[in-house]
């Protein structure tokens, strides 16, 4: 769940990419001045959580919800992009945050041995 080295760095970049995708999705579908306060706060919190790698599974699920909420406002190929964004957020949910995250510091690495 918390790989280090190059896989950990790749997960760090992956978290940044998913956070950027969430920002682009919201800002592309609505002008920033017409964004509701709750939407802006939600997107900001999810983005920061993903950047820091804090509560990554929860932030991934919320990013999927954001993509689904903004799906009806997209058309044509943009709708196909939404599917790709959802798949990427789902992949981050399954892969986890990596060693370079707050989650790794909070929960740490554990060695689970089968009973002898």
PDB file of N, CA and C in Angstrom:
ATOM      1  N   UNK A   1       0.819  -1.198   0.000  1.00  0.00           N
ATOM      2  CA  UNK A   1       0.000   0.000   0.000  1.00  0.00           C
ATOM      3  C   UNK A   1       0.856   1.252   0.000  1.00  0.00           C
ATOM      4  N   UNK A   2       2.051   1.182   0.524  1.00  0.00           N
ATOM      5  CA  UNK A   2       2.902   2.366   0.586  1.00  0.00           C
ATOM      6  C   UNK A   2       4.259   2.081  -0.053  1.00  0.00           C
ATOM      7  N   UNK A   3       4.293   1.812  -1.355  1.00  0.00           N
ATOM      8  CA  UNK A   3       5.586   1.547  -1.983  1.00  0.00           C
ATOM      9  C   UNK A   3       6.464   2.791  -1.999  1.00  0.00           C
ATOM     10  N   UNK A   4       7.771   2.577  -1.837  1.00  0.00           N
ATOM     11  CA  UNK A   4       8.734   3.683  -1.866  1.00  0.00           C
ATOM     12  C   UNK A   4       9.514   3.618  -3.178  1.00  0.00           C
ATOM     13  N   UNK A   5      10.543   4.437  -3.290  1.00  0.00           N
ATOM     14  CA  UNK A   5      11.386   4.438  -4.483  1.00  0.00           C
ATOM     15  C   UNK A   5      10.646   4.978  -5.693  1.00  0.00           C
ATOM     16  N   UNK A   6      10.955   4.425  -6.856  1.00  0.00           N
ATOM     17  CA  UNK A   6      10.314   4.889  -8.087  1.00  0.00           C
ATOM     18  C   UNK A   6       8.801   4.639  -8.110  1.00  0.00           C
ATOM     19  N   UNK A   7       8.312   3.480  -7.619  1.00  0.00           N
ATOM     20  CA  UNK A   7       6.849   3.315  -7.572  1.00  0.00           C
ATOM     21  C   UNK A   7       6.178   4.359  -6.667  1.00  0.00           C
ATOM     22  N   UNK A   8       6.817   4.703  -5.558  1.00  0.00           N
ATOM     23  CA  UNK A   8       6.267   5.724  -4.675  1.00  0.00           C
ATOM     24  C   UNK A   8       6.247   7.092  -5.344  1.00  0.00           C
ATOM     25  N   UNK A   9       7.313   7.401  -6.080  1.00  0.00           N
ATOM     26  CA  UNK A   9       7.360   8.671  -6.812  1.00  0.00           C
ATOM     27  C   UNK A   9       6.296   8.691  -7.910  1.00  0.00           C
ATOM     28  N   UNK A  10       6.087   7.550  -8.564  1.00  0.00           N
ATOM     29  CA  UNK A  10       5.058   7.468  -9.596  1.00  0.00           C
ATOM     30  C   UNK A  10       3.669   7.690  -8.991  1.00  0.00           C
ATOM     31  N   UNK A  11       3.424   7.141  -7.800  1.00  0.00           N
ATOM     32  CA  UNK A  11       2.137   7.358  -7.144  1.00  0.00           C
ATOM     33  C   UNK A  11       1.968   8.815  -6.717  1.00  0.00           C
ATOM     34  N   UNK A  12       3.055   9.462  -6.329  1.00  0.00           N
ATOM     35  CA  UNK A  12       3.004  10.891  -6.008  1.00  0.00           C
ATOM     36  C   UNK A  12       2.575  11.685  -7.244  1.00  0.00           C
ATOM     37  N   UNK A  13       3.194  11.403  -8.385  1.00  0.00           N
ATOM     38  CA  UNK A  13       2.814  12.066  -9.635  1.00  0.00           C
ATOM     39  C   UNK A  13       1.382  11.721 -10.033  1.00  0.00           C
ATOM     40  N   UNK A  14       0.991  10.486  -9.788  1.00  0.00           N
ATOM     41  CA  UNK A  14      -0.366  10.045 -10.109  1.00  0.00           C
ATOM     42  C   UNK A  14      -1.392  10.821  -9.281  1.00  0.00           C
ATOM     43  N   UNK A  15      -1.089  11.006  -7.984  1.00  0.00           N
ATOM     44  CA  UNK A  15      -1.987  11.798  -7.131  1.00  0.00           C
ATOM     45  C   UNK A  15      -2.094  13.226  -7.640  1.00  0.00           C
ATOM     46  N   UNK A  16      -0.967  13.826  -8.038  1.00  0.00           N
ATOM     47  CA  UNK A  16      -0.986  15.187  -8.580  1.00  0.00           C
ATOM     48  C   UNK A  16      -1.828  15.250  -9.853  1.00  0.00           C
ATOM     49  N   UNK A  17      -1.703  14.242 -10.703  1.00  0.00           N
ATOM     50  CA  UNK A  17      -2.462  14.212 -11.957  1.00  0.00           C
ATOM     51  C   UNK A  17      -3.962  14.116 -11.699  1.00  0.00           C
ATOM     52  N   UNK A  18      -4.367  13.249 -10.778  1.00  0.00           N
ATOM     53  CA  UNK A  18      -5.795  13.102 -10.473  1.00  0.00           C
ATOM     54  C   UNK A  18      -6.331  14.391  -9.864  1.00  0.00           C
ATOM     55  N   UNK A  19      -5.556  15.033  -9.000  1.00  0.00           N
ATOM     56  CA  UNK A  19      -5.982  16.321  -8.433  1.00  0.00           C
ATOM     57  C   UNK A  19      -6.142  17.358  -9.539  1.00  0.00           C
ATOM     58  N   UNK A  20      -5.219  17.388 -10.467  1.00  0.00           N
ATOM     59  CA  UNK A  20      -5.321  18.326 -11.588  1.00  0.00           C
ATOM     60  C   UNK A  20      -6.524  18.035 -12.460  1.00  0.00           C
ATOM     61  N   UNK A  21      -6.816  16.758 -12.662  1.00  0.00           N
ATOM     62  CA  UNK A  21      -7.982  16.370 -13.448  1.00  0.00           C
ATOM     63  C   UNK A  21      -9.258  16.876 -12.799  1.00  0.00           C
ATOM     64  N   UNK A  22      -9.351  16.752 -11.488  1.00  0.00           N
ATOM     65  CA  UNK A  22     -10.544  17.229 -10.770  1.00  0.00           C
ATOM     66  C   UNK A  22     -10.678  18.739 -10.943  1.00  0.00           C
ATOM     67  N   UNK A  23      -9.581  19.465 -10.779  1.00  0.00           N
ATOM     68  CA  UNK A  23      -9.621  20.917 -10.952  1.00  0.00           C
ATOM     69  C   UNK A  23     -10.047  21.304 -12.363  1.00  0.00           C
ATOM     70  N   UNK A  24      -9.445  20.671 -13.347  1.00  0.00           N
ATOM     71  CA  UNK A  24      -9.762  20.993 -14.745  1.00  0.00           C
ATOM     72  C   UNK A  24     -11.213  20.670 -15.068  1.00  0.00           C
ATOM     73  N   UNK A  25     -11.714  19.553 -14.570  1.00  0.00           N
ATOM     74  CA  UNK A  25     -13.106  19.175 -14.828  1.00  0.00           C
ATOM     75  C   UNK A  25     -14.063  20.235 -14.320  1.00  0.00           C
ATOM     76  N   UNK A  26     -13.839  20.680 -13.092  1.00  0.00           N
ATOM     77  CA  UNK A  26     -14.754  21.657 -12.495  1.00  0.00           C
ATOM     78  C   UNK A  26     -14.594  23.019 -13.160  1.00  0.00           C
ATOM     79  N   UNK A  27     -13.364  23.466 -13.349  1.00  0.00           N
ATOM     80  CA  UNK A  27     -13.153  24.792 -13.928  1.00  0.00           C
ATOM     81  C   UNK A  27     -13.524  24.845 -15.399  1.00  0.00           C
ATOM     82  N   UNK A  28     -13.463  23.714 -16.093  1.00  0.00           N
ATOM     83  CA  UNK A  28     -13.822  23.673 -17.508  1.00  0.00           C
ATOM     84  C   UNK A  28     -15.331  23.694 -17.705  1.00  0.00           C
ATOM     85  N   UNK A  29     -16.070  23.178 -16.740  1.00  0.00           N
ATOM     86  CA  UNK A  29     -17.513  23.086 -16.908  1.00  0.00           C
ATOM     87  C   UNK A  29     -18.255  24.320 -16.394  1.00  0.00           C
ATOM     88  N   UNK A  30     -17.659  25.047 -15.462  1.00  0.00           N
ATOM     89  CA  UNK A  30     -18.308  26.239 -14.926  1.00  0.00           C
ATOM     90  C   UNK A  30     -17.278  27.347 -14.769  1.00  0.00           C
ATOM     91  N   UNK A  31     -17.661  28.583 -15.085  1.00  0.00           N
ATOM     92  CA  UNK A  31     -16.744  29.694 -14.806  1.00  0.00           C
ATOM     93  C   UNK A  31     -16.512  29.825 -13.305  1.00  0.00           C
ATOM     94  N   UNK A  32     -15.326  30.241 -12.936  1.00  0.00           N
ATOM     95  CA  UNK A  32     -14.968  30.276 -11.514  1.00  0.00           C
ATOM     96  C   UNK A  32     -15.849  31.238 -10.719  1.00  0.00           C
ATOM     97  N   UNK A  33     -16.323  32.306 -11.341  1.00  0.00           N
ATOM     98  CA  UNK A  33     -17.148  33.266 -10.598  1.00  0.00           C
ATOM     99  C   UNK A  33     -18.570  32.759 -10.382  1.00  0.00           C
ATOM    100  N   UNK A  34     -19.018  31.759 -11.147  1.00  0.00           N
ATOM    101  CA  UNK A  34     -20.362  31.229 -10.955  1.00  0.00           C
ATOM    102  C   UNK A  34     -20.372  29.935 -10.137  1.00  0.00           C
ATOM    103  N   UNK A  35     -19.215  29.519  -9.648  1.00  0.00           N
ATOM    104  CA  UNK A  35     -19.113  28.287  -8.873  1.00  0.00           C
ATOM    105  C   UNK A  35     -19.733  28.484  -7.494  1.00  0.00           C
ATOM    106  N   UNK A  36     -20.579  27.540  -7.103  1.00  0.00           N
ATOM    107  CA  UNK A  36     -21.167  27.588  -5.766  1.00  0.00           C
ATOM    108  C   UNK A  36     -20.074  27.421  -4.719  1.00  0.00           C
ATOM    109  N   UNK A  37     -20.302  27.983  -3.540  1.00  0.00           N
ATOM    110  CA  UNK A  37     -19.316  27.906  -2.468  1.00  0.00           C
ATOM    111  C   UNK A  37     -19.034  26.457  -2.074  1.00  0.00           C
ATOM    112  N   UNK A  38     -20.082  25.636  -1.965  1.00  0.00           N
ATOM    113  CA  UNK A  38     -19.873  24.244  -1.534  1.00  0.00           C
ATOM    114  C   UNK A  38     -19.079  23.460  -2.566  1.00  0.00           C
ATOM    115  N   UNK A  39     -19.297  23.750  -3.857  1.00  0.00           N
ATOM    116  CA  UNK A  39     -18.530  23.063  -4.893  1.00  0.00           C
ATOM    117  C   UNK A  39     -17.063  23.486  -4.839  1.00  0.00           C
ATOM    118  N   UNK A  40     -16.847  24.785  -4.688  1.00  0.00           N
ATOM    119  CA  UNK A  40     -15.475  25.286  -4.651  1.00  0.00           C
ATOM    120  C   UNK A  40     -14.720  24.727  -3.455  1.00  0.00           C
ATOM    121  N   UNK A  41     -15.355  24.699  -2.302  1.00  0.00           N
ATOM    122  CA  UNK A  41     -14.707  24.183  -1.092  1.00  0.00           C
ATOM    123  C   UNK A  41     -14.443  22.682  -1.235  1.00  0.00           C
ATOM    124  N   UNK A  42     -15.405  21.949  -1.765  1.00  0.00           N
ATOM    125  CA  UNK A  42     -15.228  20.508  -1.941  1.00  0.00           C
ATOM    126  C   UNK A  42     -14.067  20.209  -2.873  1.00  0.00           C
ATOM    127  N   UNK A  43     -14.017  20.900  -3.992  1.00  0.00           N
ATOM    128  CA  UNK A  43     -12.936  20.672  -4.955  1.00  0.00           C
ATOM    129  C   UNK A  43     -11.596  21.064  -4.356  1.00  0.00           C
ATOM    130  N   UNK A  44     -11.556  22.157  -3.634  1.00  0.00           N
ATOM    131  CA  UNK A  44     -10.311  22.599  -3.002  1.00  0.00           C
ATOM    132  C   UNK A  44      -9.840  21.587  -1.962  1.00  0.00           C
ATOM    133  N   UNK A  45     -10.742  21.094  -1.135  1.00  0.00           N
ATOM    134  CA  UNK A  45     -10.374  20.115  -0.101  1.00  0.00           C
ATOM    135  C   UNK A  45      -9.896  18.815  -0.734  1.00  0.00           C
ATOM    136  N   UNK A  46     -10.619  18.326  -1.731  1.00  0.00           N
ATOM    137  CA  UNK A  46     -10.222  17.075  -2.386  1.00  0.00           C
ATOM    138  C   UNK A  46      -8.861  17.233  -3.053  1.00  0.00           C
ATOM    139  N   UNK A  47      -8.639  18.360  -3.709  1.00  0.00           N
ATOM    140  CA  UNK A  47      -7.362  18.604  -4.375  1.00  0.00           C
ATOM    141  C   UNK A  47      -6.212  18.616  -3.376  1.00  0.00           C
ATOM    142  N   UNK A  48      -6.391  19.311  -2.272  1.00  0.00           N
ATOM    143  CA  UNK A  48      -5.339  19.371  -1.253  1.00  0.00           C
ATOM    144  C   UNK A  48      -5.100  17.991  -0.632  1.00  0.00           C
ATOM    145  N   UNK A  49      -6.168  17.251  -0.354  1.00  0.00           N
ATOM    146  CA  UNK A  49      -6.011  15.903   0.197  1.00  0.00           C
ATOM    147  C   UNK A  49      -5.231  15.011  -0.758  1.00  0.00           C
ATOM    148  N   UNK A  50      -5.523  15.102  -2.050  1.00  0.00           N
ATOM    149  CA  UNK A  50      -4.793  14.293  -3.028  1.00  0.00           C
ATOM    150  C   UNK A  50      -3.340  14.734  -3.140  1.00  0.00           C
ATOM    151  N   UNK A  51      -3.093  16.031  -3.152  1.00  0.00           N
ATOM    152  CA  UNK A  51      -1.711  16.518  -3.222  1.00  0.00           C
ATOM    153  C   UNK A  51      -0.891  16.007  -2.051  1.00  0.00           C
ATOM    154  N   UNK A  52      -1.475  16.057  -0.854  1.00  0.00           N
ATOM    155  CA  UNK A  52      -0.754  15.653   0.349  1.00  0.00           C
ATOM    156  C   UNK A  52      -0.767  14.143   0.566  1.00  0.00           C
ATOM    157  N   UNK A  53      -1.677  13.459  -0.084  1.00  0.00           N
ATOM    158  CA  UNK A  53      -1.802  12.019   0.129  1.00  0.00           C
ATOM    159  C   UNK A  53      -2.446  11.717   1.466  1.00  0.00           C
ATOM    160  N   UNK A  54      -3.391  12.541   1.848  1.00  0.00           N
ATOM    161  CA  UNK A  54      -4.099  12.345   3.112  1.00  0.00           C
ATOM    162  C   UNK A  54      -5.494  11.805   2.816  1.00  0.00           C
ATOM    163  N   UNK A  55      -5.858  10.717   3.475  1.00  0.00           N
ATOM    164  CA  UNK A  55      -7.158  10.090   3.280  1.00  0.00           C
ATOM    165  C   UNK A  55      -7.410   9.834   1.789  1.00  0.00           C
ATOM    166  N   UNK A  56      -6.410   9.279   1.132  1.00  0.00           N
ATOM    167  CA  UNK A  56      -6.434   9.101  -0.319  1.00  0.00           C
ATOM    168  C   UNK A  56      -7.611   8.261  -0.812  1.00  0.00           C
ATOM    169  N   UNK A  57      -7.956   7.138  -0.178  1.00  0.00           N
ATOM    170  CA  UNK A  57      -9.123   6.392  -0.681  1.00  0.00           C
ATOM    171  C   UNK A  57     -10.404   7.226  -0.650  1.00  0.00           C
ATOM    172  N   UNK A  58     -10.626   7.966   0.434  1.00  0.00           N
ATOM    173  CA  UNK A  58     -11.813   8.800   0.536  1.00  0.00           C
ATOM    174  C   UNK A  58     -11.770   9.923  -0.501  1.00  0.00           C
ATOM    175  N   UNK A  59     -10.609  10.551  -0.665  1.00  0.00           N
ATOM    176  CA  UNK A  59     -10.474  11.629  -1.647  1.00  0.00           C
ATOM    177  C   UNK A  59     -10.684  11.102  -3.064  1.00  0.00           C
ATOM    178  N   UNK A  60     -10.258   9.875  -3.329  1.00  0.00           N
ATOM    179  CA  UNK A  60     -10.467   9.271  -4.651  1.00  0.00           C
ATOM    180  C   UNK A  60     -11.948   9.039  -4.922  1.00  0.00           C
ATOM    181  N   UNK A  61     -12.658   8.553  -3.923  1.00  0.00           N
ATOM    182  CA  UNK A  61     -14.094   8.323  -4.082  1.00  0.00           C
ATOM    183  C   UNK A  61     -14.821   9.646  -4.306  1.00  0.00           C
ATOM    184  N   UNK A  62     -14.428  10.687  -3.581  1.00  0.00           N
ATOM    185  CA  UNK A  62     -15.054  11.996  -3.769  1.00  0.00           C
ATOM    186  C   UNK A  62     -14.721  12.547  -5.153  1.00  0.00           C
ATOM    187  N   UNK A  63     -13.491  12.309  -5.623  1.00  0.00           N
ATOM    188  CA  UNK A  63     -13.145  12.787  -6.969  1.00  0.00           C
ATOM    189  C   UNK A  63     -13.966  12.045  -8.030  1.00  0.00           C
ATOM    190  N   UNK A  64     -14.256  10.765  -7.808  1.00  0.00           N
ATOM    191  CA  UNK A  64     -15.144  10.039  -8.723  1.00  0.00           C
ATOM    192  C   UNK A  64     -16.534  10.659  -8.697  1.00  0.00           C
ATOM    193  N   UNK A  65     -17.025  10.990  -7.511  1.00  0.00           N
ATOM    194  CA  UNK A  65     -18.344  11.622  -7.400  1.00  0.00           C
ATOM    195  C   UNK A  65     -18.371  12.966  -8.125  1.00  0.00           C
ATOM    196  N   UNK A  66     -17.301  13.750  -8.012  1.00  0.00           N
ATOM    197  CA  UNK A  66     -17.231  15.033  -8.706  1.00  0.00           C
ATOM    198  C   UNK A  66     -17.294  14.819 -10.217  1.00  0.00           C
ATOM    199  N   UNK A  67     -16.556  13.830 -10.709  1.00  0.00           N
ATOM    200  CA  UNK A  67     -16.574  13.545 -12.147  1.00  0.00           C
ATOM    201  C   UNK A  67     -17.978  13.128 -12.605  1.00  0.00           C
ATOM    202  N   UNK A  68     -18.649  12.317 -11.798  1.00  0.00           N
ATOM    203  CA  UNK A  68     -19.999  11.871 -12.155  1.00  0.00           C
ATOM    204  C   UNK A  68     -20.979  13.045 -12.124  1.00  0.00           C
ATOM    205  N   UNK A  69     -20.837  13.931 -11.147  1.00  0.00           N
ATOM    206  CA  UNK A  69     -21.726  15.092 -11.048  1.00  0.00           C
ATOM    207  C   UNK A  69     -21.575  16.000 -12.272  1.00  0.00           C
ATOM    208  N   UNK A  70     -20.347  16.192 -12.744  1.00  0.00           N
ATOM    209  CA  UNK A  70     -20.123  17.090 -13.868  1.00  0.00           C
ATOM    210  C   UNK A  70     -20.233  16.386 -15.221  1.00  0.00           C
ATOM    211  N   UNK A  71     -20.509  15.094 -15.233  1.00  0.00           N
ATOM    212  CA  UNK A  71     -20.642  14.345 -16.477  1.00  0.00           C
ATOM    213  C   UNK A  71     -21.762  14.889 -17.374  1.00  0.00           C
ATOM    214  N   UNK A  72     -22.962  15.194 -16.828  1.00  0.00           N
ATOM    215  CA  UNK A  72     -24.037  15.684 -17.709  1.00  0.00           C
ATOM    216  C   UNK A  72     -23.709  16.999 -18.421  1.00  0.00           C
ATOM    217  N   UNK A  73     -22.795  17.787 -17.911  1.00  0.00           N
ATOM    218  CA  UNK A  73     -22.459  19.061 -18.555  1.00  0.00           C
ATOM    219  C   UNK A  73     -21.486  18.876 -19.706  1.00  0.00           C
ATOM    220  N   UNK A  74     -20.976  17.659 -19.891  1.00  0.00           N
ATOM    221  CA  UNK A  74     -20.027  17.417 -20.968  1.00  0.00           C
ATOM    222  C   UNK A  74     -20.744  16.770 -22.143  1.00  0.00           C
ATOM    223  N   UNK A  75     -20.150  16.927 -23.327  1.00  0.00           N
ATOM    224  CA  UNK A  75     -20.775  16.349 -24.517  1.00  0.00           C
ATOM    225  C   UNK A  75     -19.698  15.815 -25.449  1.00  0.00           C
ATOM    226  N   UNK A  76     -20.091  14.893 -26.302  1.00  0.00           N
ATOM    227  CA  UNK A  76     -19.175  14.353 -27.301  1.00  0.00           C
ATOM    228  C   UNK A  76     -17.985  13.654 -26.690  1.00  0.00           C
ATOM    229  N   UNK A  77     -16.801  14.003 -27.180  1.00  0.00           N
ATOM    230  CA  UNK A  77     -15.575  13.382 -26.675  1.00  0.00           C
ATOM    231  C   UNK A  77     -15.308  13.754 -25.230  1.00  0.00           C
ATOM    232  N   UNK A  78     -15.829  14.866 -24.785  1.00  0.00           N
ATOM    233  CA  UNK A  78     -15.647  15.271 -23.388  1.00  0.00           C
ATOM    234  C   UNK A  78     -16.262  14.232 -22.451  1.00  0.00           C
ATOM    235  N   UNK A  79     -17.370  13.628 -22.879  1.00  0.00           N
ATOM    236  CA  UNK A  79     -17.980  12.567 -22.082  1.00  0.00           C
ATOM    237  C   UNK A  79     -17.070  11.353 -21.969  1.00  0.00           C
ATOM    238  N   UNK A  80     -16.362  11.043 -23.046  1.00  0.00           N
ATOM    239  CA  UNK A  80     -15.402   9.936 -23.002  1.00  0.00           C
ATOM    240  C   UNK A  80     -14.234  10.275 -22.079  1.00  0.00           C
ATOM    241  N   UNK A  81     -13.837  11.541 -22.065  1.00  0.00           N
ATOM    242  CA  UNK A  81     -12.782  11.966 -21.128  1.00  0.00           C
ATOM    243  C   UNK A  81     -13.218  11.752 -19.694  1.00  0.00           C
ATOM    244  N   UNK A  82     -14.482  12.018 -19.405  1.00  0.00           N
ATOM    245  CA  UNK A  82     -14.989  11.826 -18.045  1.00  0.00           C
ATOM    246  C   UNK A  82     -14.841  10.369 -17.619  1.00  0.00           C
ATOM    247  N   UNK A  83     -15.090   9.450 -18.536  1.00  0.00           N
ATOM    248  CA  UNK A  83     -14.945   8.020 -18.219  1.00  0.00           C
ATOM    249  C   UNK A  83     -13.486   7.716 -17.881  1.00  0.00           C
ATOM    250  N   UNK A  84     -12.565   8.262 -18.659  1.00  0.00           N
ATOM    251  CA  UNK A  84     -11.135   8.052 -18.391  1.00  0.00           C
ATOM    252  C   UNK A  84     -10.770   8.641 -17.037  1.00  0.00           C
ATOM    253  N   UNK A  85     -11.296   9.807 -16.708  1.00  0.00           N
ATOM    254  CA  UNK A  85     -11.008  10.433 -15.416  1.00  0.00           C
ATOM    255  C   UNK A  85     -11.517   9.572 -14.268  1.00  0.00           C
ATOM    256  N   UNK A  86     -12.700   9.015 -14.439  1.00  0.00           N
ATOM    257  CA  UNK A  86     -13.261   8.144 -13.407  1.00  0.00           C
ATOM    258  C   UNK A  86     -12.393   6.902 -13.230  1.00  0.00           C
ATOM    259  N   UNK A  87     -11.944   6.329 -14.333  1.00  0.00           N
ATOM    260  CA  UNK A  87     -11.089   5.133 -14.262  1.00  0.00           C
ATOM    261  C   UNK A  87      -9.771   5.464 -13.557  1.00  0.00           C
ATOM    262  N   UNK A  88      -9.187   6.624 -13.840  1.00  0.00           N
ATOM    263  CA  UNK A  88      -7.940   7.011 -13.178  1.00  0.00           C
ATOM    264  C   UNK A  88      -8.139   7.206 -11.676  1.00  0.00           C
ATOM    265  N   UNK A  89      -9.235   7.825 -11.294  1.00  0.00           N
ATOM    266  CA  UNK A  89      -9.514   7.998  -9.863  1.00  0.00           C
ATOM    267  C   UNK A  89      -9.755   6.653  -9.188  1.00  0.00           C
ATOM    268  N   UNK A  90     -10.408   5.753  -9.898  1.00  0.00           N
ATOM    269  CA  UNK A  90     -10.637   4.416  -9.364  1.00  0.00           C
ATOM    270  C   UNK A  90      -9.315   3.660  -9.202  1.00  0.00           C
ATOM    271  N   UNK A  91      -8.408   3.822 -10.167  1.00  0.00           N
ATOM    272  CA  UNK A  91      -7.093   3.184 -10.066  1.00  0.00           C
ATOM    273  C   UNK A  91      -6.326   3.719  -8.861  1.00  0.00           C
ATOM    274  N   UNK A  92      -6.410   5.027  -8.610  1.00  0.00           N
ATOM    275  CA  UNK A  92      -5.747   5.595  -7.435  1.00  0.00           C
ATOM    276  C   UNK A  92      -6.355   5.048  -6.156  1.00  0.00           C
ATOM    277  N   UNK A  93      -7.656   4.858  -6.149  1.00  0.00           N
ATOM    278  CA  UNK A  93      -8.319   4.265  -4.983  1.00  0.00           C
ATOM    279  C   UNK A  93      -7.746   2.884  -4.688  1.00  0.00           C
ATOM    280  N   UNK A  94      -7.555   2.057  -5.738  1.00  0.00           N
ATOM    281  CA  UNK A  94      -7.055   0.703  -5.544  1.00  0.00           C
ATOM    282  C   UNK A  94      -5.563   0.663  -5.235  1.00  0.00           C
ATOM    283  N   UNK A  95      -4.782   1.552  -5.831  1.00  0.00           N
ATOM    284  CA  UNK A  95      -3.330   1.531  -5.639  1.00  0.00           C
ATOM    285  C   UNK A  95      -2.888   2.129  -4.312  1.00  0.00           C
ATOM    286  N   UNK A  96      -3.583   3.143  -3.841  1.00  0.00           N
ATOM    287  CA  UNK A  96      -3.205   3.792  -2.595  1.00  0.00           C
ATOM    288  C   UNK A  96      -2.269   4.964  -2.836  1.00  0.00           C
ATOM    289  N   UNK A  97      -1.859   5.636  -1.774  1.00  0.00           N
ATOM    290  CA  UNK A  97      -1.128   6.891  -1.899  1.00  0.00           C
ATOM    291  C   UNK A  97       0.368   6.758  -2.124  1.00  0.00           C
ATOM    292  N   UNK A  98       0.972   5.668  -1.743  1.00  0.00           N
ATOM    293  CA  UNK A  98       2.424   5.535  -1.846  1.00  0.00           C
ATOM    294  C   UNK A  98       3.122   6.000  -0.579  1.00  0.00           C
ATOM    295  N   UNK A  99       4.431   5.816  -0.534  1.00  0.00           N
ATOM    296  CA  UNK A  99       5.210   6.108   0.673  1.00  0.00           C
ATOM    297  C   UNK A  99       5.368   7.602   0.922  1.00  0.00           C
ATOM    298  N   UNK A 100       5.251   8.413  -0.116  1.00  0.00           N
ATOM    299  CA  UNK A 100       5.456   9.851   0.024  1.00  0.00           C
ATOM    300  C   UNK A 100       4.117  10.543   0.206  1.00  0.00           C
ATOM    301  N   UNK A 101       3.488  10.233   1.332  1.00  0.00           N
ATOM    302  CA  UNK A 101       2.157  10.760   1.611  1.00  0.00           C
ATOM    303  C   UNK A 101       1.947  10.861   3.114  1.00  0.00           C
ATOM    304  N   UNK A 102       0.939  11.604   3.469  1.00  0.00           N
ATOM    305  CA  UNK A 102       0.565  11.702   4.879  1.00  0.00           C
ATOM    306  C   UNK A 102      -0.028  10.376   5.355  1.00  0.00           C
ATOM    307  N   UNK A 103      -0.758   9.697   4.469  1.00  0.00           N
ATOM    308  CA  UNK A 103      -1.315   8.385   4.844  1.00  0.00           C
ATOM    309  C   UNK A 103      -0.216   7.419   5.282  1.00  0.00           C
ATOM    310  N   UNK A 104       0.911   7.427   4.578  1.00  0.00           N
ATOM    311  CA  UNK A 104       2.015   6.530   4.947  1.00  0.00           C
ATOM    312  C   UNK A 104       2.556   6.880   6.327  1.00  0.00           C
ATOM    313  N   UNK A 105       2.589   8.167   6.648  1.00  0.00           N
ATOM    314  CA  UNK A 105       3.072   8.589   7.968  1.00  0.00           C
ATOM    315  C   UNK A 105       2.055   8.248   9.059  1.00  0.00           C
ATOM    316  N   UNK A 106       0.770   8.400   8.739  1.00  0.00           N
ATOM    317  CA  UNK A 106      -0.271   8.150   9.742  1.00  0.00           C
ATOM    318  C   UNK A 106      -0.440   6.658  10.010  1.00  0.00           C
ATOM    319  N   UNK A 107      -0.463   5.861   8.953  1.00  0.00           N
ATOM    320  CA  UNK A 107      -0.787   4.447   9.110  1.00  0.00           C
ATOM    321  C   UNK A 107       0.437   3.551   9.059  1.00  0.00           C
ATOM    322  N   UNK A 108       1.517   4.012   8.456  1.00  0.00           N
ATOM    323  CA  UNK A 108       2.772   3.269   8.422  1.00  0.00           C
ATOM    324  C   UNK A 108       2.693   1.965   7.662  1.00  0.00           C
ATOM    325  N   UNK A 109       3.859   1.369   7.542  1.00  0.00           N
ATOM    326  CA  UNK A 109       3.942   0.075   6.888  1.00  0.00           C
ATOM    327  C   UNK A 109       3.827  -1.000   7.946  1.00  0.00           C
ATOM    328  N   UNK A 110       3.108  -2.051   7.610  1.00  0.00           N
ATOM    329  CA  UNK A 110       2.940  -3.150   8.538  1.00  0.00           C
ATOM    330  C   UNK A 110       3.247  -4.451   7.816  1.00  0.00           C
ATOM    331  N   UNK A 111       3.872  -5.335   8.538  1.00  0.00           N
ATOM    332  CA  UNK A 111       4.158  -6.667   8.003  1.00  0.00           C
ATOM    333  C   UNK A 111       3.145  -7.618   8.612  1.00  0.00           C
ATOM    334  N   UNK A 112       2.345  -8.195   7.752  1.00  0.00           N
ATOM    335  CA  UNK A 112       1.313  -9.128   8.219  1.00  0.00           C
ATOM    336  C   UNK A 112       1.779 -10.533   7.869  1.00  0.00           C
ATOM    337  N   UNK A 113       1.975 -11.333   8.896  1.00  0.00           N
ATOM    338  CA  UNK A 113       2.440 -12.701   8.722  1.00  0.00           C
ATOM    339  C   UNK A 113       1.278 -13.662   8.934  1.00  0.00           C
ATOM    340  N   UNK A 114       1.234 -14.741   8.152  1.00  0.00           N
ATOM    341  CA  UNK A 114       0.185 -15.746   8.376  1.00  0.00           C
ATOM    342  C   UNK A 114       0.446 -16.483   9.678  1.00  0.00           C
ATOM    343  N   UNK A 115      -0.602 -16.969  10.288  1.00  0.00           N
ATOM    344  CA  UNK A 115      -0.410 -17.710  11.534  1.00  0.00           C
ATOM    345  C   UNK A 115       0.413 -18.977  11.293  1.00  0.00           C
ATOM    346  N   UNK A 116       1.270 -19.304  12.243  1.00  0.00           N
ATOM    347  CA  UNK A 116       2.138 -20.480  12.073  1.00  0.00           C
ATOM    348  C   UNK A 116       1.500 -21.752  12.566  1.00  0.00           C
TER     349      UNK A 116
END
